[in-house]
Each structure stands twice: as structure tokens, then as C-alpha cells.
Amino acid sequence: MYTFDSRIRYSETDSEGKLTLASLINYFQDCSTFHAEDVGLGIAYLKERSLVWVLSSWQIVVERYPELGERVTIGTQPYDLRGFLGYRNFWMLDEKGGYVAKANTLWSLLDTGKGKPSSIPEGMAETYGIGPRLEMEYAPRKIVIPGGGEDREPITVKKHHLDTNHHVNNQQFVDMAMDFLPEGVAVKQLRAEYKKQAFLDDILQPYVAEEEEKVVVSLKDPAGAPYAVVEFSGERSV
């Protein structure tokens, strides 16, 4: 298990002074990055071996969004590493030790030279430390895209969407999809399925389908194949 402590910053909050979903994702992403760097399996280690971890899916369950100034603890724990796949949980705790949010993720280790999956190096599991799976209600990884939706204005990938791997960061896909949420929706669960990488100047065609308590956004290429599919579940306050 790996954890770090933080405090909710003004720059991480919305108009109501609460942590945004995008900032929560960034906390989780930073936590796994810190974990990798602190045990010697970070960006430099992977780059030397022409390897990269690519996120395949998110499931985030939100109990509540903490407010400006709250002190929180962010944690992560790999619970399985096999073949080329990595399974990792995340969580955020408040000062009393209560869960603010829980998450499950699936990652794929890729050989950047060959463009193919790579077996997990010997000793990586031991170095990370494998722990028990977090208690939560696990949803399927695959997201069904409902019919009856509509296409929205295309999005062009810009430099600020990219990360150190030079493709669109997973959180940026979610941020794009969130722009299509109706007003007044409080997201209680996020599911995201990542199909393929998007690069600078790629064109993403959003397809948005709304159901009673769910909004699904598919960010597609011009031929209709999805880069990422994001599902938001929650309650409408207005």
C-alpha cells in the first residue's frame, strides 16, 4: 500500500467550493505515479526499457466531494500483476478515516518499440507489493453505448491534452466528456473504457446518449471507432 497526504486546494474546486471529479482523478493518477517513482519503477525506469503503462479502464465510486481546505489521504494498491496486465485500486480518505471515493483500474504494459503488449518484468510485483483487493462493488469493464444519442461538435487534440507519453492523458478524455453532462448532475460513479490512443491534431467526434440516471459519451475517430467511452452515473439536482 502507498499513501500520501494532501489538502484540497482552491484550484481543485468547482463553483461550490468542492473538489472536482477531474481533480479527484488527478489525485489518483499522481498517487500511482508517486508510488512508481518512489520504488524505482517510474518514468525513467520504463523509458530505459521502452515500456509504458497504458490505462485500459477506470471505475470510480464517489461517496462525497470534499470541500476546500479539507485534509485528505490518497492511497493506491496493486492487487494483481499477471501477463501484461496490472490491476490497481485507489482511494481517498477524509481526516476521520472515512472513504471519500474508491476506484478500480486496469492497465496494460506496452513495448513502445514494437507497439505490442509486454510481459511484466520479473520482480516488479514484489517491488510494488501486491495487496488485497479493495472492498467495493465492482462494475463490468465493458461499457454499452446506448442508441438514440446524437453527435456533437468535434474536438481537436491540442498540446495541453497530452502527457509525457505524447498521447491524450486519460483524465483529459474524461474532462472532454464532462463538458456534455447536463446541468445539475452530481456524478456518483464514473466508468471509462479506453480503446486506443489519440495524438496531437487527431479529431475526436463526441457521441452523447442520455438515460434517466446515466450519460454515456463516446469519443470517436472520423471513421466511428471510439478512442474512449465514458459513462457517468448520478443524480440530477435540478
Foldseek 3Di string as FASTA:
>chain_A
DFKDKDWAAQVQADPVQFGDPLVVVVLQVVRVQVLCVVLVNHDVVQVVQQKDKDWFKKKKFFPATHGHGWMKMKDKAWADAFFQKTKMKIFIAGPVRDTGMIMITMIGMARNVVRGTDGDDPPPCVSSDHDHDDDDDDDDQDDDDDPPWAKDDKDFDAPVQADPVQWGDPSSVVVVVVVPDDPQWDFRIKMKGADATHHHGFIWIWTWDDDDFKIKIFTAGPVRHGRMIMMTGGDGPD
